[in-house]
Amino acid sequence: MTIGGKIALFLGGTLFGSAGLKILSGKDARKVYTHTTAAVLRGKDEVMKHVELIQEGCSDILADAKQINEDRKKAEEAQFIEESAEA
């Protein structure tokens, strides 16, 4: 590629970049960014609601599992004491 071609490419890229910046910083673009950000925030709130529900369910399951293990341990201890008394 010749020097003239490289300069033309550089100038074309600079012009395209400047036009792109102007388009991206316009009022309409800002409006789109604002609405998109608002939608993302609403989505995040919905996801967090579901996460909280799942965490509550997991907490209940954990508490029930601990109770089952505690009851099983007490039953095993009672059985051990009973077997020791018979021996």
C-alpha atoms as a PDB file:
ATOM      1  CA  MET A   1       0.000   0.000   0.000  1.00  0.00           C
ATOM      2  CA  THR A   2       1.292   3.426  -0.863  1.00  0.00           C
ATOM      3  CA  ILE A   3       1.779   6.278   1.550  1.00  0.00           C
ATOM      4  CA  GLY A   4      -1.147   8.117  -0.070  1.00  0.00           C
ATOM      5  CA  GLY A   5      -3.357   5.056   0.476  1.00  0.00           C
ATOM      6  CA  LYS A   6      -2.293   4.811   4.119  1.00  0.00           C
ATOM      7  CA  ILE A   7      -3.024   8.493   4.677  1.00  0.00           C
ATOM      8  CA  ALA A   8      -6.437   8.120   3.038  1.00  0.00           C
ATOM      9  CA  LEU A   9      -7.198   5.119   5.254  1.00  0.00           C
ATOM     10  CA  PHE A  10      -6.105   7.019   8.354  1.00  0.00           C
ATOM     11  CA  LEU A  11      -8.223  10.058   7.458  1.00  0.00           C
ATOM     12  CA  GLY A  12     -11.212   7.848   6.632  1.00  0.00           C
ATOM     13  CA  GLY A  13     -10.871   6.051   9.978  1.00  0.00           C
ATOM     14  CA  THR A  14     -10.569   9.334  11.834  1.00  0.00           C
ATOM     15  CA  LEU A  15     -13.641  10.728  10.090  1.00  0.00           C
ATOM     16  CA  PHE A  16     -15.619   7.547  10.745  1.00  0.00           C
ATOM     17  CA  GLY A  17     -14.518   7.546  14.399  1.00  0.00           C
ATOM     18  CA  SER A  18     -15.509  11.187  14.862  1.00  0.00           C
ATOM     19  CA  ALA A  19     -18.913  10.578  13.278  1.00  0.00           C
ATOM     20  CA  GLY A  20     -19.344   7.501  15.463  1.00  0.00           C
ATOM     21  CA  LEU A  21     -18.604   9.476  18.607  1.00  0.00           C
ATOM     22  CA  LYS A  22     -21.088  12.143  17.573  1.00  0.00           C
ATOM     23  CA  ILE A  23     -23.769   9.519  16.985  1.00  0.00           C
ATOM     24  CA  LEU A  24     -23.045   7.703  20.263  1.00  0.00           C
ATOM     25  CA  SER A  25     -23.152  10.917  22.300  1.00  0.00           C
ATOM     26  CA  GLY A  26     -26.374  12.264  20.775  1.00  0.00           C
ATOM     27  CA  LYS A  27     -29.670  12.804  22.609  1.00  0.00           C
ATOM     28  CA  ASP A  28     -31.316   9.765  21.018  1.00  0.00           C
ATOM     29  CA  ALA A  29     -28.412   7.511  21.920  1.00  0.00           C
ATOM     30  CA  ARG A  30     -28.434   8.787  25.499  1.00  0.00           C
ATOM     31  CA  LYS A  31     -32.142   8.017  25.708  1.00  0.00           C
ATOM     32  CA  VAL A  32     -31.510   4.464  24.503  1.00  0.00           C
ATOM     33  CA  TYR A  33     -28.692   3.998  27.030  1.00  0.00           C
ATOM     34  CA  THR A  34     -30.899   5.303  29.830  1.00  0.00           C
ATOM     35  CA  HIS A  35     -33.814   3.014  28.983  1.00  0.00           C
ATOM     36  CA  THR A  36     -31.504   0.039  28.565  1.00  0.00           C
ATOM     37  CA  THR A  37     -29.879   0.702  31.930  1.00  0.00           C
ATOM     38  CA  ALA A  38     -33.303   1.028  33.572  1.00  0.00           C
ATOM     39  CA  ALA A  39     -34.360  -2.324  32.093  1.00  0.00           C
ATOM     40  CA  VAL A  40     -31.175  -3.973  33.343  1.00  0.00           C
ATOM     41  CA  LEU A  41     -31.771  -2.609  36.840  1.00  0.00           C
ATOM     42  CA  ARG A  42     -35.348  -3.939  36.820  1.00  0.00           C
ATOM     43  CA  GLY A  43     -34.039  -7.311  35.723  1.00  0.00           C
ATOM     44  CA  LYS A  44     -31.452  -7.287  38.497  1.00  0.00           C
ATOM     45  CA  ASP A  45     -34.171  -6.585  41.069  1.00  0.00           C
ATOM     46  CA  GLU A  46     -36.211  -9.546  39.825  1.00  0.00           C
ATOM     47  CA  VAL A  47     -33.200 -11.851  39.937  1.00  0.00           C
ATOM     48  CA  MET A  48     -32.401 -10.730  43.490  1.00  0.00           C
ATOM     49  CA  LYS A  49     -35.996 -11.516  44.569  1.00  0.00           C
ATOM     50  CA  HIS A  50     -35.584 -15.055  43.263  1.00  0.00           C
ATOM     51  CA  VAL A  51     -32.190 -15.400  44.931  1.00  0.00           C
ATOM     52  CA  GLU A  52     -33.704 -14.386  48.280  1.00  0.00           C
ATOM     53  CA  LEU A  53     -36.500 -16.965  47.901  1.00  0.00           C
ATOM     54  CA  ILE A  54     -33.989 -19.679  47.094  1.00  0.00           C
ATOM     55  CA  GLN A  55     -31.823 -18.696  50.085  1.00  0.00           C
ATOM     56  CA  GLU A  56     -34.844 -18.879  52.395  1.00  0.00           C
ATOM     57  CA  GLY A  57     -35.701 -22.331  51.061  1.00  0.00           C
ATOM     58  CA  CYS A  58     -32.118 -23.497  51.528  1.00  0.00           C
ATOM     59  CA  SER A  59     -32.073 -22.186  55.096  1.00  0.00           C
ATOM     60  CA  ASP A  60     -35.223 -24.189  55.880  1.00  0.00           C
ATOM     61  CA  ILE A  61     -33.731 -27.324  54.330  1.00  0.00           C
ATOM     62  CA  LEU A  62     -30.509 -26.871  56.311  1.00  0.00           C
ATOM     63  CA  ALA A  63     -32.408 -26.424  59.574  1.00  0.00           C
ATOM     64  CA  ASP A  64     -34.490 -29.556  58.886  1.00  0.00           C
ATOM     65  CA  ALA A  65     -31.369 -31.569  58.000  1.00  0.00           C
ATOM     66  CA  LYS A  66     -29.650 -30.504  61.227  1.00  0.00           C
ATOM     67  CA  GLN A  67     -32.743 -31.516  63.210  1.00  0.00           C
ATOM     68  CA  ILE A  68     -32.809 -34.935  61.507  1.00  0.00           C
ATOM     69  CA  ASN A  69     -29.148 -35.519  62.373  1.00  0.00           C
ATOM     70  CA  GLU A  70     -29.692 -34.394  65.956  1.00  0.00           C
ATOM     71  CA  ASP A  71     -32.689 -36.721  66.343  1.00  0.00           C
ATOM     72  CA  ARG A  72     -30.717 -39.601  64.806  1.00  0.00           C
ATOM     73  CA  LYS A  73     -27.796 -38.979  67.165  1.00  0.00           C
ATOM     74  CA  LYS A  74     -30.108 -38.999  70.200  1.00  0.00           C
ATOM     75  CA  ALA A  75     -31.701 -42.250  69.014  1.00  0.00           C
ATOM     76  CA  GLU A  76     -28.273 -43.857  68.521  1.00  0.00           C
ATOM     77  CA  GLU A  77     -27.172 -42.726  71.990  1.00  0.00           C
ATOM     78  CA  ALA A  78     -30.353 -44.108  73.533  1.00  0.00           C
ATOM     79  CA  GLN A  79     -29.865 -47.414  71.715  1.00  0.00           C
ATOM     80  CA  PHE A  80     -26.226 -47.589  72.875  1.00  0.00           C
ATOM     81  CA  ILE A  81     -27.271 -46.970  76.499  1.00  0.00           C
ATOM     82  CA  GLU A  82     -29.992 -49.584  76.196  1.00  0.00           C
ATOM     83  CA  GLU A  83     -27.598 -52.165  74.731  1.00  0.00           C
ATOM     84  CA  SER A  84     -25.010 -51.362  77.430  1.00  0.00           C
ATOM     85  CA  ALA A  85     -27.599 -51.849  80.171  1.00  0.00           C
ATOM     86  CA  GLU A  86     -28.591 -55.242  78.743  1.00  0.00           C
ATOM     87  CA  ALA A  87     -24.990 -56.426  78.630  1.00  0.00           C
END
